Protein backbone atom coordinates (compact mmCIF):
# COMPACT_ATOMS: atom_id res chain seq x y z
CA UNK A 1 -181.86 66.40 -140.77
CA UNK A 2 -183.15 69.42 -138.84
CA UNK A 3 -182.20 68.15 -135.39
CA UNK A 4 -178.64 67.56 -134.19
CA UNK A 5 -176.55 66.07 -131.44
CA UNK A 6 -175.90 69.54 -130.08
CA UNK A 7 -179.63 70.23 -129.87
CA UNK A 8 -180.20 66.93 -128.07
CA UNK A 9 -177.37 67.75 -125.68
CA UNK A 10 -178.84 71.15 -124.86
CA UNK A 11 -182.30 69.66 -124.35
CA UNK A 12 -180.88 66.92 -122.12
CA UNK A 13 -178.99 69.51 -120.05
CA UNK A 14 -182.14 71.61 -119.72
CA UNK A 15 -184.14 68.58 -118.62
CA UNK A 16 -181.57 67.43 -116.08
CA UNK A 17 -181.14 70.96 -114.73
CA UNK A 18 -184.89 71.32 -114.32
CA UNK A 19 -185.07 67.95 -112.57
CA UNK A 20 -182.35 68.96 -110.11
CA UNK A 21 -184.05 72.30 -109.49
CA UNK A 22 -187.51 70.88 -108.80
CA UNK A 23 -186.03 68.15 -106.61
CA UNK A 24 -184.18 70.83 -104.63
CA UNK A 25 -187.44 72.75 -104.28
CA UNK A 26 -189.07 69.72 -102.71
CA UNK A 27 -191.34 68.71 -105.57
CA UNK A 28 -192.68 65.17 -105.63
CA UNK A 29 -190.22 62.54 -106.80
CA UNK A 30 -193.03 61.24 -109.00
CA UNK A 31 -192.41 64.29 -111.17
CA UNK A 32 -188.66 64.81 -111.22
CA UNK A 33 -187.59 61.16 -111.45
CA UNK A 34 -189.46 60.63 -114.76
CA UNK A 35 -188.08 63.93 -116.07
CA UNK A 36 -184.58 62.72 -115.24
CA UNK A 37 -185.21 59.41 -116.99
CA UNK A 38 -186.44 61.03 -120.20
CA UNK A 39 -183.65 63.62 -120.13
CA UNK A 40 -181.17 60.75 -120.01
CA UNK A 41 -182.75 59.42 -123.18
CA UNK A 42 -182.04 62.72 -124.89
CA UNK A 43 -178.47 62.52 -123.62
CA UNK A 44 -178.30 59.05 -125.15
CA UNK A 45 -179.55 60.46 -128.44
CA UNK A 46 -176.93 63.20 -128.32
CA UNK A 47 -174.25 60.52 -128.05
CA UNK A 48 -175.88 58.55 -130.85
CA UNK A 49 -175.48 61.47 -133.25
CA UNK A 50 -171.71 61.04 -133.02
CA UNK A 51 -172.06 57.64 -134.71
CA UNK A 52 -175.19 58.24 -136.78
CA UNK A 53 -175.42 56.13 -139.97
CA UNK A 54 -172.28 54.15 -139.03
CA UNK A 55 -174.11 50.84 -138.91
CA UNK A 56 -170.97 48.71 -138.58
CA UNK A 57 -169.71 50.76 -135.66
CA UNK A 58 -170.12 48.93 -132.32
CA UNK A 59 -170.88 52.21 -130.54
CA UNK A 60 -173.78 52.89 -132.89
CA UNK A 61 -175.19 49.42 -132.27
CA UNK A 62 -174.78 49.60 -128.49
CA UNK A 63 -176.43 53.02 -128.31
CA UNK A 64 -179.29 51.75 -130.47
CA UNK A 65 -179.76 48.80 -128.13
CA UNK A 66 -179.73 51.11 -125.11
CA UNK A 67 -182.39 53.24 -126.79
CA UNK A 68 -184.67 50.23 -127.11
CA UNK A 69 -184.03 49.13 -123.52
CA UNK A 70 -184.78 52.66 -122.30
CA UNK A 71 -188.14 52.58 -124.10
CA UNK A 72 -188.89 49.13 -122.70
CA UNK A 73 -188.81 50.52 -119.15
CA UNK A 74 -190.59 53.80 -119.86
CA UNK A 75 -194.02 52.50 -118.71
CA UNK A 76 -192.74 52.58 -115.11
CA UNK A 77 -192.04 56.29 -115.36
CA UNK A 78 -195.15 57.15 -117.36
CA UNK A 79 -197.27 55.51 -114.68
CA UNK A 80 -195.26 57.21 -111.96
CA UNK A 81 -196.38 60.56 -113.35
CA UNK A 82 -199.91 59.35 -114.06
CA UNK A 83 -200.41 58.18 -110.47
CA UNK A 84 -199.33 61.59 -109.19
CA UNK A 85 -202.62 62.96 -110.53
CA UNK A 86 -204.95 60.55 -108.74
CA UNK A 87 -205.88 60.62 -105.03
CA UNK A 88 -203.13 59.49 -102.70
CA UNK A 89 -205.34 56.86 -101.08
CA UNK A 90 -206.02 55.25 -104.46
CA UNK A 91 -202.38 55.38 -105.48
CA UNK A 92 -201.23 53.63 -102.31
CA UNK A 93 -203.66 50.79 -102.95
CA UNK A 94 -202.80 50.20 -106.59
CA UNK A 95 -199.15 51.13 -107.11
CA UNK A 96 -197.73 47.65 -106.47
CA UNK A 97 -200.14 46.16 -109.00
CA UNK A 98 -199.44 48.96 -111.47
CA UNK A 99 -195.67 48.53 -111.29
CA UNK A 100 -196.05 44.75 -111.56
CA UNK A 101 -198.01 45.20 -114.79
CA UNK A 102 -195.33 47.61 -116.01
CA UNK A 103 -192.72 44.92 -115.34
CA UNK A 104 -194.72 42.46 -117.44
CA UNK A 105 -194.91 45.04 -120.22
CA UNK A 106 -191.15 45.61 -120.09
CA UNK A 107 -190.52 41.88 -120.19
CA UNK A 108 -192.75 41.55 -123.26
CA UNK A 109 -190.80 44.31 -125.01
CA UNK A 110 -187.51 42.61 -124.19
CA UNK A 111 -188.86 39.29 -125.49
CA UNK A 112 -189.58 41.06 -128.78
CA UNK A 113 -185.81 41.56 -129.13
CA UNK A 114 -184.89 37.89 -129.04
CA UNK A 115 -184.43 36.25 -132.48
CA UNK A 116 -186.71 33.25 -132.05
CA UNK A 117 -186.48 31.30 -135.31
CA UNK A 118 -190.13 30.27 -135.05
CA UNK A 119 -191.33 33.86 -134.60
CA UNK A 120 -190.09 35.20 -137.91
CA UNK A 121 -189.07 38.82 -138.41
CA UNK A 122 -190.66 42.19 -137.78
CA UNK A 123 -192.14 44.10 -140.71
CA UNK A 124 -189.97 47.06 -141.64
CA UNK A 125 -191.93 50.16 -142.56
CA UNK A 126 -194.86 49.11 -140.37
CA UNK A 127 -193.41 48.47 -136.93
CA UNK A 128 -191.32 50.97 -135.03
CA UNK A 129 -187.70 50.10 -134.26
CA UNK A 130 -187.62 47.48 -137.02
CA UNK A 131 -184.80 46.86 -139.49
CA UNK A 132 -182.46 44.24 -140.87
CA UNK A 133 -179.54 45.47 -138.75
CA UNK A 134 -179.14 47.12 -135.37
CA UNK A 135 -178.38 50.71 -136.29
CA UNK A 136 -179.29 54.35 -135.69
CA UNK A 137 -179.71 56.23 -138.96
CA UNK A 138 -180.86 59.65 -140.09
CA UNK A 139 -184.61 60.07 -140.28
CA UNK A 140 -186.51 62.94 -141.84
CA UNK A 141 -185.40 65.29 -139.07
CA UNK A 142 -184.30 63.15 -136.12
CA UNK A 143 -182.85 59.72 -135.36
CA UNK A 144 -184.44 56.57 -136.78
CA UNK A 145 -183.74 53.39 -134.82
CA UNK A 146 -183.54 49.94 -136.39
CA UNK A 147 -183.23 46.51 -134.83
CA UNK A 148 -183.90 43.00 -136.20
CA UNK A 149 -186.81 42.35 -133.86
CA UNK A 150 -188.74 39.11 -134.06
CA UNK A 151 -192.17 38.76 -135.63
CA UNK A 152 -194.32 38.40 -132.51
CA UNK A 153 -197.61 40.18 -133.26
CA UNK A 154 -196.16 41.50 -136.53
CA UNK A 155 -198.87 39.88 -138.60
CA UNK A 156 -202.36 41.39 -138.29
CA UNK A 157 -204.12 40.10 -135.18
CA UNK A 158 -207.76 39.51 -136.07
CA UNK A 159 -209.10 39.76 -132.52
CA UNK A 160 -207.31 43.13 -132.17
CA UNK A 161 -208.89 44.65 -135.28
CA UNK A 162 -205.87 43.83 -137.42
CA UNK A 163 -203.26 45.24 -135.02
CA UNK A 164 -199.84 44.70 -136.65
CA UNK A 165 -197.41 47.02 -134.86
CA UNK A 166 -195.71 44.24 -132.94
CA UNK A 167 -195.64 42.92 -129.39
CA UNK A 168 -193.48 45.82 -128.23
CA UNK A 169 -196.02 48.43 -129.35
CA UNK A 170 -198.93 46.40 -127.99
CA UNK A 171 -197.43 46.01 -124.52
CA UNK A 172 -196.33 49.66 -124.39
CA UNK A 173 -199.77 50.95 -125.37
CA UNK A 174 -201.47 48.79 -122.76
CA UNK A 175 -199.13 49.82 -119.95
CA UNK A 176 -198.63 53.50 -120.77
CA UNK A 177 -202.13 54.44 -121.96
CA UNK A 178 -204.86 51.95 -121.11
CA UNK A 179 -203.57 51.13 -117.64
CA UNK A 180 -203.60 54.78 -116.43
CA UNK A 181 -207.10 55.21 -117.86
CA UNK A 182 -208.30 52.19 -115.89
CA UNK A 183 -207.14 53.70 -112.59
CA UNK A 184 -208.49 57.13 -113.45
CA UNK A 185 -205.63 59.28 -114.75
CA UNK A 186 -207.46 59.94 -118.01
CA UNK A 187 -206.58 63.63 -118.17
CA UNK A 188 -202.87 62.91 -118.09
CA UNK A 189 -203.32 60.18 -120.72
CA UNK A 190 -205.06 62.66 -123.02
CA UNK A 191 -202.28 65.21 -122.57
CA UNK A 192 -199.64 62.51 -123.02
CA UNK A 193 -201.29 61.42 -126.26
CA UNK A 194 -201.20 64.96 -127.66
CA UNK A 195 -197.57 65.63 -126.71
CA UNK A 196 -196.41 62.12 -127.57
CA UNK A 197 -198.05 59.96 -130.26
CA UNK A 198 -200.08 62.68 -131.96
CA UNK A 199 -197.30 65.22 -132.40
CA UNK A 200 -194.90 62.45 -133.45
CA UNK A 201 -197.36 61.26 -136.06
CA UNK A 202 -197.72 64.80 -137.38
CA UNK A 203 -193.99 65.44 -137.65
CA UNK A 204 -192.78 62.17 -139.18
CA UNK A 205 -194.14 59.30 -141.26
CA UNK A 206 -191.18 57.00 -140.54
CA UNK A 207 -192.13 54.45 -137.85
CA UNK A 208 -188.46 54.05 -136.91
CA UNK A 209 -188.11 57.79 -136.33
CA UNK A 210 -191.44 57.99 -134.52
CA UNK A 211 -190.01 56.58 -131.27
CA UNK A 212 -187.10 59.03 -131.10
CA UNK A 213 -189.37 62.00 -131.81
CA UNK A 214 -191.77 60.86 -129.12
CA UNK A 215 -188.92 60.57 -126.61
CA UNK A 216 -187.77 64.08 -127.51
CA UNK A 217 -191.19 65.57 -126.81
CA UNK A 218 -191.45 63.59 -123.57
CA UNK A 219 -189.18 66.16 -121.92
CA UNK A 220 -191.65 68.87 -122.90
CA UNK A 221 -194.41 66.69 -121.47
CA UNK A 222 -192.65 66.32 -118.12
CA UNK A 223 -191.71 70.00 -117.86
CA UNK A 224 -195.27 71.01 -118.77
CA UNK A 225 -196.82 68.99 -115.96
CA UNK A 226 -194.26 70.32 -113.48
CA UNK A 227 -193.83 74.01 -114.29
CA UNK A 228 -196.95 75.20 -116.14
CA UNK A 229 -200.60 75.82 -115.17
CA UNK A 230 -201.54 72.67 -117.11
CA UNK A 231 -200.58 70.70 -114.02
CA UNK A 232 -203.59 71.76 -111.95
CA UNK A 233 -206.01 70.57 -114.64
CA UNK A 234 -204.64 67.02 -114.74
CA UNK A 235 -205.72 65.96 -111.25
CA UNK A 236 -208.65 63.55 -111.01
CA UNK A 237 -210.83 63.21 -107.89
CA UNK A 238 -213.67 61.05 -109.21
CA UNK A 239 -213.66 57.97 -111.41
CA UNK A 240 -216.23 55.20 -111.95
CA UNK A 241 -213.84 52.60 -110.55
CA UNK A 242 -213.47 54.50 -107.28
CA UNK A 243 -215.99 53.28 -104.71
CA UNK A 244 -216.52 56.81 -103.51
CA UNK A 245 -215.07 60.26 -103.84
CA UNK A 246 -211.71 60.33 -102.14
CA UNK A 247 -209.36 63.04 -101.05
CA UNK A 248 -205.61 63.34 -101.34
CA UNK A 249 -204.99 61.88 -97.91
CA UNK A 250 -205.96 58.68 -96.14
């Protein structure tokens, strides 16, 4: 493995320090709260390295479970950032609906965890976070997470063009990517795709490692939209679903 617990610890510390700094400077909470959340994931991964590959160790299993739960609630924080880049008047009208849909997505991901006998099992090697036992193991260069998830949406879904990545992936994609596009934050979605799914796909071919790599790069995503010139290019003023052009104030 190229990555390490020490590296995750340093990255987590950098993320948390940046979050504290930008909060102190009066930046929007819609930026530093998500950064804090994703930095805590990296802190969780740093702790996981202490027990990596020890599949019978309760600490390994608990940390793996916490990793999944963290991911299940990420759509809230992704949308928090995404809504920062749309007009304030639009955000105030839609945020309750957006967070309600995020809650439904999180619930769907948690349902994927439950071992319904009638649902069968997930397909290891195809779905992320899938394995016979709850365990964090070494991937190609980072952590690979495994859990015995159920088989909801594991078989190809014909009406979704053969989608077979599981209910957890389906609900996450809808809430974290399609939902922000619907309300107009398409620029952020594009940037998120590059720094998240695309770069993860380039750097690993293990679906169980994919999630951990994505979470790692999420800190870079948050810092980029807070402290680099990229930020000013992510704002959206016009969108077909807006009735008219709106400003940043009511």
